[in-house]
C-alpha atoms as a PDB file:
ATOM      1  CA  MET A   1     -43.289   9.261   7.746  1.00  0.00           C
ATOM      2  CA  THR A   2     -40.637  10.306  10.151  1.00  0.00           C
ATOM      3  CA  ARG A   3     -37.264   8.488  10.292  1.00  0.00           C
ATOM      4  CA  ILE A   4     -35.534   7.710  13.581  1.00  0.00           C
ATOM      5  CA  PRO A   5     -31.837   8.651  13.290  1.00  0.00           C
ATOM      6  CA  ALA A   6     -29.563   5.606  13.715  1.00  0.00           C
ATOM      7  CA  ALA A   7     -27.408   5.241  16.763  1.00  0.00           C
ATOM      8  CA  PRO A   8     -23.881   6.054  16.380  1.00  0.00           C
ATOM      9  CA  MET A   9     -21.520   3.091  15.902  1.00  0.00           C
ATOM     10  CA  PRO A  10     -18.421   2.661  18.125  1.00  0.00           C
ATOM     11  CA  ASP A  11     -15.174   2.984  16.429  1.00  0.00           C
ATOM     12  CA  SER A  12     -14.169  -0.497  17.551  1.00  0.00           C
ATOM     13  CA  ILE A  13     -17.178  -2.146  15.722  1.00  0.00           C
ATOM     14  CA  ARG A  14     -16.910   0.095  12.660  1.00  0.00           C
ATOM     15  CA  HIS A  15     -13.385  -0.855  12.069  1.00  0.00           C
ATOM     16  CA  GLY A  16     -14.184  -4.512  12.168  1.00  0.00           C
ATOM     17  CA  LEU A  17     -16.986  -4.155   9.687  1.00  0.00           C
ATOM     18  CA  ARG A  18     -14.975  -1.904   7.214  1.00  0.00           C
ATOM     19  CA  ALA A  19     -13.740  -3.527   3.943  1.00  0.00           C
ATOM     20  CA  VAL A  20     -10.209  -4.719   4.079  1.00  0.00           C
ATOM     21  CA  GLN A  21      -8.065  -2.713   1.925  1.00  0.00           C
ATOM     22  CA  HIS A  22      -4.371  -3.413   0.856  1.00  0.00           C
ATOM     23  CA  PRO A  23      -1.956  -1.516   3.008  1.00  0.00           C
ATOM     24  CA  ALA A  24      -0.102  -0.184  -0.137  1.00  0.00           C
ATOM     25  CA  ARG A  25      -2.956   2.116  -0.663  1.00  0.00           C
ATOM     26  CA  ALA A  26      -1.453   4.347   2.106  1.00  0.00           C
ATOM     27  CA  VAL A  27       0.910   5.980  -0.640  1.00  0.00           C
ATOM     28  CA  ALA A  28       0.187   7.345  -4.067  1.00  0.00           C
ATOM     29  CA  CYS A  29       0.560   5.180  -7.025  1.00  0.00           C
ATOM     30  CA  PRO A  30       3.453   5.978  -9.228  1.00  0.00           C
ATOM     31  CA  HIS A  31       1.960   3.936 -12.129  1.00  0.00           C
ATOM     32  CA  CYS A  32      -1.492   5.289 -12.466  1.00  0.00           C
ATOM     33  CA  GLY A  33      -1.540   8.451 -10.314  1.00  0.00           C
ATOM     34  CA  ALA A  34      -4.047   7.355  -7.801  1.00  0.00           C
ATOM     35  CA  SER A  35      -3.881   9.398  -4.727  1.00  0.00           C
ATOM     36  CA  GLU A  36      -3.542   8.052  -1.245  1.00  0.00           C
ATOM     37  CA  ARG A  37      -6.337   5.828  -0.060  1.00  0.00           C
ATOM     38  CA  ARG A  38      -7.823   5.752  -3.467  1.00  0.00           C
ATOM     39  CA  PRO A  39      -7.819   2.462  -5.612  1.00  0.00           C
ATOM     40  CA  CYS A  40      -5.560   1.992  -8.659  1.00  0.00           C
ATOM     41  CA  MET A  41      -7.237   2.614 -11.924  1.00  0.00           C
ATOM     42  CA  THR A  42      -6.435   1.414 -15.434  1.00  0.00           C
ATOM     43  CA  ILE A  43      -4.471   3.942 -17.535  1.00  0.00           C
ATOM     44  CA  SER A  44      -7.454   5.056 -19.269  1.00  0.00           C
ATOM     45  CA  GLY A  45      -9.117   5.636 -15.940  1.00  0.00           C
ATOM     46  CA  ARG A  46     -12.339   3.696 -16.823  1.00  0.00           C
ATOM     47  CA  ARG A  47     -11.962   0.731 -14.307  1.00  0.00           C
ATOM     48  CA  ARG A  48     -10.743   0.405 -10.894  1.00  0.00           C
ATOM     49  CA  MET A  49      -8.202  -2.243 -10.176  1.00  0.00           C
ATOM     50  CA  PRO A  50      -8.993  -4.925  -7.551  1.00  0.00           C
ATOM     51  CA  GLN A  51      -5.393  -4.937  -6.317  1.00  0.00           C
ATOM     52  CA  PRO A  52      -2.794  -2.075  -6.353  1.00  0.00           C
ATOM     53  CA  HIS A  53      -0.182  -2.061  -9.090  1.00  0.00           C
ATOM     54  CA  PRO A  54       3.167  -3.655  -8.482  1.00  0.00           C
ATOM     55  CA  ALA A  55       4.876  -0.191  -8.375  1.00  0.00           C
ATOM     56  CA  ARG A  56       2.456   1.026  -5.707  1.00  0.00           C
ATOM     57  CA  VAL A  57       3.263  -2.112  -3.605  1.00  0.00           C
ATOM     58  CA  SER A  58       7.116  -1.515  -4.049  1.00  0.00           C
ATOM     59  CA  ALA A  59       6.560   2.318  -3.155  1.00  0.00           C
ATOM     60  CA  TRP A  60       4.803   1.338   0.033  1.00  0.00           C
ATOM     61  CA  VAL A  61       7.298  -1.254   0.988  1.00  0.00           C
ATOM     62  CA  ARG A  62      10.170   1.089   0.317  1.00  0.00           C
ATOM     63  CA  ALA A  63       8.524   3.714   2.675  1.00  0.00           C
ATOM     64  CA  THR A  64       7.579   1.403   5.536  1.00  0.00           C
ATOM     65  CA  ALA A  65      10.262  -1.309   5.934  1.00  0.00           C
ATOM     66  CA  CYS A  66      13.911  -1.971   6.376  1.00  0.00           C
ATOM     67  CA  CYS A  67      15.429  -4.451   3.853  1.00  0.00           C
ATOM     68  CA  PRO A  68      17.116  -7.437   5.838  1.00  0.00           C
ATOM     69  CA  GLU A  69      18.851  -8.369   2.572  1.00  0.00           C
ATOM     70  CA  CYS A  70      20.619  -5.245   1.778  1.00  0.00           C
ATOM     71  CA  GLN A  71      20.478  -3.425   5.047  1.00  0.00           C
ATOM     72  CA  VAL A  72      18.767  -0.166   4.003  1.00  0.00           C
ATOM     73  CA  GLU A  73      16.374   2.032   5.877  1.00  0.00           C
ATOM     74  CA  PRO A  74      12.814   3.016   5.016  1.00  0.00           C
ATOM     75  CA  GLY A  75      12.857   5.404   2.180  1.00  0.00           C
ATOM     76  CA  ILE A  76      15.873   4.078   0.381  1.00  0.00           C
ATOM     77  CA  ASP A  77      15.909   1.907  -2.545  1.00  0.00           C
ATOM     78  CA  CYS A  78      17.086  -1.743  -2.447  1.00  0.00           C
ATOM     79  CA  HIS A  79      20.424  -2.289  -4.124  1.00  0.00           C
ATOM     80  CA  GLU A  80      22.526  -5.385  -5.198  1.00  0.00           C
ATOM     81  CA  GLU A  81      26.308  -4.921  -5.306  1.00  0.00           C
ATOM     82  CA  GLY A  82      25.783  -1.188  -5.148  1.00  0.00           C
ATOM     83  CA  ARG A  83      23.294  -0.829  -7.962  1.00  0.00           C
ATOM     84  CA  PRO A  84      19.790  -0.009  -7.395  1.00  0.00           C
ATOM     85  CA  LEU A  85      17.237  -2.892  -8.559  1.00  0.00           C
ATOM     86  CA  ARG A  86      15.550  -2.514 -11.800  1.00  0.00           C
ATOM     87  CA  ASP A  87      12.395  -0.364 -12.110  1.00  0.00           C
ATOM     88  CA  GLY A  88      12.555   0.557  -8.382  1.00  0.00           C
ATOM     89  CA  ALA A  89      11.853  -3.187  -7.440  1.00  0.00           C
ATOM     90  CA  VAL A  90      12.333  -4.240  -3.678  1.00  0.00           C
ATOM     91  CA  HIS A  91      13.655  -7.571  -2.354  1.00  0.00           C
ATOM     92  CA  PRO A  92      11.057 -10.080  -1.453  1.00  0.00           C
ATOM     93  CA  ARG A  93      12.284 -10.341   2.043  1.00  0.00           C
ATOM     94  CA  ARG A  94      11.591  -6.652   2.419  1.00  0.00           C
ATOM     95  CA  GLU A  95       8.114  -7.081   1.240  1.00  0.00           C
ATOM     96  CA  VAL A  96       7.471  -9.820   3.750  1.00  0.00           C
ATOM     97  CA  GLU A  97       8.848  -7.517   6.505  1.00  0.00           C
ATOM     98  CA  ALA A  98       6.574  -4.684   5.491  1.00  0.00           C
ATOM     99  CA  ARG A  99       3.562  -7.070   5.644  1.00  0.00           C
ATOM    100  CA  GLU A 100       4.452  -8.199   8.985  1.00  0.00           C
ATOM    101  CA  VAL A 101       4.800  -4.512  10.322  1.00  0.00           C
ATOM    102  CA  ALA A 102       1.341  -3.743   8.717  1.00  0.00           C
ATOM    103  CA  ALA A 103      -0.490  -6.675  10.244  1.00  0.00           C
END
């Protein structure tokens, strides 16, 4: 039996049918080492995580959005009174800004 090749799908339809992934997957994960566009894994590497690690989300926010609270540009860590936030965290308003830009 000979199979007939499927017709190519237009990109506009393919994009709508594609599974939605978190925009933080655009950057590598500093916690588990997952590369860009790959899902986060447990440290043992046995399971894929359904959502990215918080460190990956912070790295994505830092790379994409300006912070309206401390007035820093993308790529620069958030700070409070001149001191960087603990563990590379970002202000919640900056995360909201990044999600609006991604949408």
